[in-house]
Amino acid sequence: MIEVTDQEFHEKVLKKSLRMTVVVDFWAPWCSPCKILEPLLEKLEKEYKNRFVLVKINVDENKETAKMFGVTSIPSIKMIKDGRIIAEFAGSLPEEIVREWLDRNL
């Protein structure tokens, strides 16, 4: 998992999404559901080897990107391909549901 800032988002997420699917985790340190979801996303990134790259962005420190992507609740997960959102979900979902989401959209 890579952590990015507003300043790095274009380069490390949007440009990278032209070559590979990027899953972005919008989170905050005080968010309990975010803390539950993060290890699951990291585990799935390893299991799905090279099918997507996982990036996280702290919404408290990077408000511009969160606003640009319409993040109103966290955790908010956006799948980005070719510079645009192709799938998304919000909240801490069970592993089975997150796997189904990945399988359906990758």
N, C-alpha and C. Protein backbone atom coordinates (compact mmCIF):
# COMPACT_ATOMS: atom_id res chain seq x y z
N MET A 1 0.85 -1.17 0.00
CA MET A 1 0.00 0.00 0.00
C MET A 1 0.90 1.24 0.00
N ILE A 2 0.51 2.18 -0.83
CA ILE A 2 1.25 3.43 -0.95
C ILE A 2 0.37 4.54 -0.39
N GLU A 3 0.95 5.44 0.40
CA GLU A 3 0.20 6.59 0.88
C GLU A 3 0.56 7.80 0.02
N VAL A 4 -0.46 8.55 -0.42
CA VAL A 4 -0.21 9.71 -1.28
C VAL A 4 -0.86 10.96 -0.69
N THR A 5 -0.42 12.11 -1.22
CA THR A 5 -0.95 13.41 -0.82
C THR A 5 -1.67 14.05 -2.00
N ASP A 6 -2.32 15.18 -1.74
CA ASP A 6 -2.96 15.93 -2.83
C ASP A 6 -1.96 16.20 -3.95
N GLN A 7 -0.75 16.60 -3.58
CA GLN A 7 0.26 16.97 -4.56
C GLN A 7 0.73 15.78 -5.40
N GLU A 8 0.70 14.59 -4.84
CA GLU A 8 1.18 13.40 -5.55
C GLU A 8 0.09 12.65 -6.29
N PHE A 9 -1.16 12.97 -6.02
CA PHE A 9 -2.28 12.16 -6.51
C PHE A 9 -2.28 12.02 -8.03
N HIS A 10 -2.06 13.10 -8.74
CA HIS A 10 -2.09 13.04 -10.21
C HIS A 10 -1.03 12.06 -10.73
N GLU A 11 0.17 12.19 -10.23
CA GLU A 11 1.28 11.36 -10.70
C GLU A 11 1.14 9.90 -10.25
N LYS A 12 0.90 9.69 -8.96
CA LYS A 12 0.94 8.34 -8.40
C LYS A 12 -0.37 7.57 -8.53
N VAL A 13 -1.45 8.26 -8.86
CA VAL A 13 -2.73 7.56 -9.01
C VAL A 13 -3.27 7.69 -10.43
N LEU A 14 -3.55 8.90 -10.85
CA LEU A 14 -4.19 9.08 -12.17
C LEU A 14 -3.29 8.61 -13.31
N LYS A 15 -2.02 8.99 -13.30
CA LYS A 15 -1.11 8.53 -14.36
C LYS A 15 -0.88 7.02 -14.29
N LYS A 16 -0.71 6.51 -13.06
CA LYS A 16 -0.50 5.07 -12.89
C LYS A 16 -1.71 4.28 -13.38
N SER A 17 -2.91 4.86 -13.24
CA SER A 17 -4.13 4.15 -13.65
C SER A 17 -4.23 3.97 -15.16
N LEU A 18 -3.38 4.62 -15.91
CA LEU A 18 -3.34 4.42 -17.36
C LEU A 18 -2.66 3.08 -17.68
N ARG A 19 -1.85 2.58 -16.74
CA ARG A 19 -1.14 1.31 -16.94
C ARG A 19 -1.71 0.17 -16.11
N MET A 20 -2.33 0.51 -14.98
CA MET A 20 -2.79 -0.51 -14.04
C MET A 20 -3.96 0.03 -13.23
N THR A 21 -4.85 -0.84 -12.83
CA THR A 21 -5.98 -0.43 -11.99
C THR A 21 -5.46 -0.01 -10.61
N VAL A 22 -5.97 1.11 -10.12
CA VAL A 22 -5.59 1.63 -8.81
C VAL A 22 -6.83 1.64 -7.91
N VAL A 23 -6.71 1.07 -6.73
CA VAL A 23 -7.78 1.12 -5.73
C VAL A 23 -7.34 2.13 -4.67
N VAL A 24 -8.16 3.17 -4.50
CA VAL A 24 -7.82 4.25 -3.57
C VAL A 24 -8.70 4.14 -2.33
N ASP A 25 -8.05 4.13 -1.19
CA ASP A 25 -8.72 4.08 0.11
C ASP A 25 -8.65 5.48 0.72
N PHE A 26 -9.79 6.18 0.73
CA PHE A 26 -9.89 7.48 1.40
C PHE A 26 -10.20 7.19 2.87
N TRP A 27 -9.36 7.64 3.78
CA TRP A 27 -9.44 7.26 5.18
C TRP A 27 -9.04 8.43 6.08
N ALA A 28 -9.16 8.22 7.39
CA ALA A 28 -8.67 9.17 8.40
C ALA A 28 -8.22 8.37 9.62
N PRO A 29 -7.23 8.88 10.36
CA PRO A 29 -6.69 8.13 11.50
C PRO A 29 -7.70 7.87 12.62
N TRP A 30 -8.69 8.72 12.77
CA TRP A 30 -9.69 8.58 13.84
C TRP A 30 -10.84 7.65 13.46
N CYS A 31 -10.86 7.16 12.24
CA CYS A 31 -11.98 6.38 11.70
C CYS A 31 -11.83 4.89 12.03
N SER A 32 -12.65 4.39 12.95
CA SER A 32 -12.58 2.97 13.34
C SER A 32 -12.86 2.01 12.18
N PRO A 33 -13.91 2.24 11.36
CA PRO A 33 -14.13 1.34 10.22
C PRO A 33 -12.95 1.34 9.24
N CYS A 34 -12.26 2.47 9.12
CA CYS A 34 -11.08 2.53 8.25
C CYS A 34 -10.00 1.58 8.75
N LYS A 35 -9.82 1.55 10.07
CA LYS A 35 -8.80 0.68 10.67
C LYS A 35 -9.14 -0.79 10.50
N ILE A 36 -10.42 -1.10 10.40
CA ILE A 36 -10.86 -2.48 10.18
C ILE A 36 -10.65 -2.88 8.72
N LEU A 37 -10.96 -1.97 7.81
CA LEU A 37 -10.89 -2.27 6.37
C LEU A 37 -9.46 -2.32 5.84
N GLU A 38 -8.58 -1.48 6.36
CA GLU A 38 -7.22 -1.37 5.82
C GLU A 38 -6.46 -2.70 5.75
N PRO A 39 -6.40 -3.49 6.84
CA PRO A 39 -5.67 -4.77 6.73
C PRO A 39 -6.29 -5.73 5.71
N LEU A 40 -7.59 -5.68 5.56
CA LEU A 40 -8.26 -6.53 4.56
C LEU A 40 -7.82 -6.12 3.16
N LEU A 41 -7.83 -4.82 2.89
CA LEU A 41 -7.41 -4.34 1.57
C LEU A 41 -5.95 -4.70 1.29
N GLU A 42 -5.10 -4.58 2.29
CA GLU A 42 -3.69 -4.94 2.12
C GLU A 42 -3.53 -6.43 1.82
N LYS A 43 -4.29 -7.25 2.53
CA LYS A 43 -4.26 -8.70 2.30
C LYS A 43 -4.70 -9.03 0.88
N LEU A 44 -5.78 -8.40 0.43
CA LEU A 44 -6.30 -8.68 -0.91
C LEU A 44 -5.36 -8.17 -2.00
N GLU A 45 -4.69 -7.06 -1.75
CA GLU A 45 -3.70 -6.57 -2.72
C GLU A 45 -2.63 -7.63 -2.94
N LYS A 46 -2.18 -8.27 -1.88
CA LYS A 46 -1.16 -9.33 -2.00
C LYS A 46 -1.72 -10.54 -2.72
N GLU A 47 -2.94 -10.93 -2.38
CA GLU A 47 -3.56 -12.11 -3.01
C GLU A 47 -3.83 -11.91 -4.49
N TYR A 48 -4.23 -10.71 -4.86
CA TYR A 48 -4.58 -10.41 -6.25
C TYR A 48 -3.36 -9.94 -7.05
N LYS A 49 -2.18 -10.34 -6.63
CA LYS A 49 -0.90 -9.97 -7.24
C LYS A 49 -1.01 -9.29 -8.61
N ASN A 50 -0.53 -8.09 -8.67
CA ASN A 50 -0.41 -7.34 -9.93
C ASN A 50 -1.72 -7.07 -10.66
N ARG A 51 -2.86 -7.33 -10.04
CA ARG A 51 -4.13 -6.99 -10.70
C ARG A 51 -4.57 -5.58 -10.35
N PHE A 52 -4.08 -5.08 -9.21
CA PHE A 52 -4.34 -3.69 -8.84
C PHE A 52 -3.27 -3.24 -7.86
N VAL A 53 -3.12 -1.93 -7.75
CA VAL A 53 -2.24 -1.36 -6.75
C VAL A 53 -3.13 -0.59 -5.77
N LEU A 54 -2.81 -0.72 -4.49
CA LEU A 54 -3.59 -0.09 -3.43
C LEU A 54 -2.90 1.19 -2.97
N VAL A 55 -3.68 2.27 -2.93
CA VAL A 55 -3.18 3.57 -2.50
C VAL A 55 -4.12 4.10 -1.44
N LYS A 56 -3.57 4.74 -0.41
CA LYS A 56 -4.45 5.36 0.57
C LYS A 56 -4.14 6.85 0.68
N ILE A 57 -5.19 7.61 1.00
CA ILE A 57 -5.04 9.05 1.14
C ILE A 57 -5.84 9.52 2.36
N ASN A 58 -5.17 10.22 3.24
CA ASN A 58 -5.76 10.73 4.47
C ASN A 58 -6.61 11.95 4.13
N VAL A 59 -7.92 11.85 4.34
CA VAL A 59 -8.83 12.94 3.95
C VAL A 59 -8.67 14.17 4.83
N ASP A 60 -8.20 14.02 6.05
CA ASP A 60 -7.99 15.18 6.93
C ASP A 60 -6.84 16.04 6.42
N GLU A 61 -5.82 15.41 5.88
CA GLU A 61 -4.64 16.13 5.41
C GLU A 61 -4.70 16.46 3.92
N ASN A 62 -5.62 15.86 3.19
CA ASN A 62 -5.69 16.01 1.73
C ASN A 62 -7.12 16.27 1.29
N LYS A 63 -7.64 17.38 1.72
CA LYS A 63 -9.05 17.72 1.48
C LYS A 63 -9.38 17.97 0.01
N GLU A 64 -8.42 18.50 -0.76
CA GLU A 64 -8.69 18.81 -2.17
C GLU A 64 -9.05 17.55 -2.96
N THR A 65 -8.27 16.51 -2.81
CA THR A 65 -8.53 15.27 -3.55
C THR A 65 -9.83 14.63 -3.09
N ALA A 66 -10.07 14.63 -1.78
CA ALA A 66 -11.32 14.07 -1.26
C ALA A 66 -12.52 14.82 -1.83
N LYS A 67 -12.43 16.13 -1.89
CA LYS A 67 -13.52 16.94 -2.44
C LYS A 67 -13.70 16.67 -3.93
N MET A 68 -12.58 16.61 -4.66
CA MET A 68 -12.62 16.36 -6.10
C MET A 68 -13.31 15.03 -6.42
N PHE A 69 -13.14 14.04 -5.54
CA PHE A 69 -13.73 12.72 -5.77
C PHE A 69 -15.04 12.51 -5.03
N GLY A 70 -15.59 13.58 -4.49
CA GLY A 70 -16.91 13.52 -3.87
C GLY A 70 -16.99 12.64 -2.63
N VAL A 71 -15.91 12.57 -1.89
CA VAL A 71 -15.89 11.75 -0.68
C VAL A 71 -16.66 12.48 0.43
N THR A 72 -17.75 11.86 0.88
CA THR A 72 -18.56 12.45 1.95
C THR A 72 -18.58 11.58 3.20
N SER A 73 -18.15 10.33 3.07
CA SER A 73 -18.04 9.45 4.23
C SER A 73 -16.83 8.55 4.03
N ILE A 74 -16.30 8.05 5.14
CA ILE A 74 -15.13 7.19 5.06
C ILE A 74 -15.35 5.94 5.90
N PRO A 75 -14.68 4.84 5.55
CA PRO A 75 -13.81 4.72 4.40
C PRO A 75 -14.60 4.78 3.09
N SER A 76 -13.96 5.37 2.11
CA SER A 76 -14.53 5.44 0.76
C SER A 76 -13.49 4.86 -0.19
N ILE A 77 -13.89 3.85 -0.93
CA ILE A 77 -12.97 3.13 -1.80
C ILE A 77 -13.36 3.39 -3.25
N LYS A 78 -12.39 3.85 -4.04
CA LYS A 78 -12.62 4.15 -5.46
C LYS A 78 -11.65 3.32 -6.29
N MET A 79 -12.18 2.65 -7.31
CA MET A 79 -11.34 1.92 -8.26
C MET A 79 -11.17 2.80 -9.48
N ILE A 80 -9.91 3.09 -9.82
CA ILE A 80 -9.62 4.02 -10.91
C ILE A 80 -8.86 3.30 -12.01
N LYS A 81 -9.35 3.46 -13.23
CA LYS A 81 -8.72 2.87 -14.42
C LYS A 81 -8.78 3.93 -15.51
N ASP A 82 -7.68 4.11 -16.22
CA ASP A 82 -7.61 5.10 -17.30
C ASP A 82 -8.04 6.49 -16.83
N GLY A 83 -7.68 6.83 -15.59
CA GLY A 83 -7.92 8.16 -15.07
C GLY A 83 -9.33 8.44 -14.59
N ARG A 84 -10.20 7.42 -14.56
CA ARG A 84 -11.58 7.66 -14.12
C ARG A 84 -12.05 6.57 -13.17
N ILE A 85 -13.03 6.90 -12.36
CA ILE A 85 -13.59 5.94 -11.41
C ILE A 85 -14.44 4.94 -12.18
N ILE A 86 -14.15 3.65 -11.98
CA ILE A 86 -14.95 2.61 -12.64
C ILE A 86 -15.82 1.85 -11.65
N ALA A 87 -15.51 1.96 -10.35
CA ALA A 87 -16.31 1.30 -9.31
C ALA A 87 -15.96 1.95 -7.98
N GLU A 88 -16.90 1.85 -7.03
CA GLU A 88 -16.65 2.42 -5.71
C GLU A 88 -17.59 1.82 -4.68
N PHE A 89 -17.18 1.93 -3.42
CA PHE A 89 -18.06 1.59 -2.31
C PHE A 89 -17.62 2.40 -1.09
N ALA A 90 -18.51 2.49 -0.12
CA ALA A 90 -18.21 3.21 1.12
C ALA A 90 -18.53 2.31 2.29
N GLY A 91 -17.78 2.48 3.36
CA GLY A 91 -18.01 1.70 4.57
C GLY A 91 -17.08 0.50 4.63
N SER A 92 -17.04 -0.11 5.80
CA SER A 92 -16.21 -1.29 6.01
C SER A 92 -17.06 -2.52 5.73
N LEU A 93 -16.85 -3.12 4.58
CA LEU A 93 -17.64 -4.27 4.16
C LEU A 93 -16.94 -5.58 4.53
N PRO A 94 -17.70 -6.67 4.65
CA PRO A 94 -17.08 -7.98 4.93
C PRO A 94 -16.18 -8.43 3.77
N GLU A 95 -15.21 -9.26 4.09
CA GLU A 95 -14.25 -9.73 3.09
C GLU A 95 -14.93 -10.32 1.86
N GLU A 96 -15.93 -11.14 2.06
CA GLU A 96 -16.62 -11.78 0.93
C GLU A 96 -17.18 -10.74 -0.05
N ILE A 97 -17.75 -9.68 0.47
CA ILE A 97 -18.34 -8.63 -0.38
C ILE A 97 -17.24 -7.84 -1.10
N VAL A 98 -16.15 -7.55 -0.41
CA VAL A 98 -15.04 -6.83 -1.04
C VAL A 98 -14.43 -7.69 -2.15
N ARG A 99 -14.28 -8.99 -1.91
CA ARG A 99 -13.77 -9.90 -2.95
C ARG A 99 -14.69 -9.90 -4.17
N GLU A 100 -16.00 -9.99 -3.93
CA GLU A 100 -16.96 -9.95 -5.05
C GLU A 100 -16.83 -8.65 -5.83
N TRP A 101 -16.67 -7.55 -5.12
CA TRP A 101 -16.51 -6.23 -5.75
C TRP A 101 -15.25 -6.22 -6.64
N LEU A 102 -14.15 -6.74 -6.10
CA LEU A 102 -12.91 -6.80 -6.88
C LEU A 102 -13.08 -7.70 -8.10
N ASP A 103 -13.62 -8.89 -7.90
CA ASP A 103 -13.79 -9.85 -9.00
C ASP A 103 -14.68 -9.28 -10.11
N ARG A 104 -15.70 -8.57 -9.72
CA ARG A 104 -16.65 -8.01 -10.69
C ARG A 104 -16.04 -6.85 -11.48
N ASN A 105 -15.10 -6.13 -10.88
CA ASN A 105 -14.62 -4.90 -11.50
C ASN A 105 -13.20 -4.94 -12.04
N LEU A 106 -12.43 -5.94 -11.66
CA LEU A 106 -11.05 -6.00 -12.18
C LEU A 106 -11.01 -6.63 -13.57
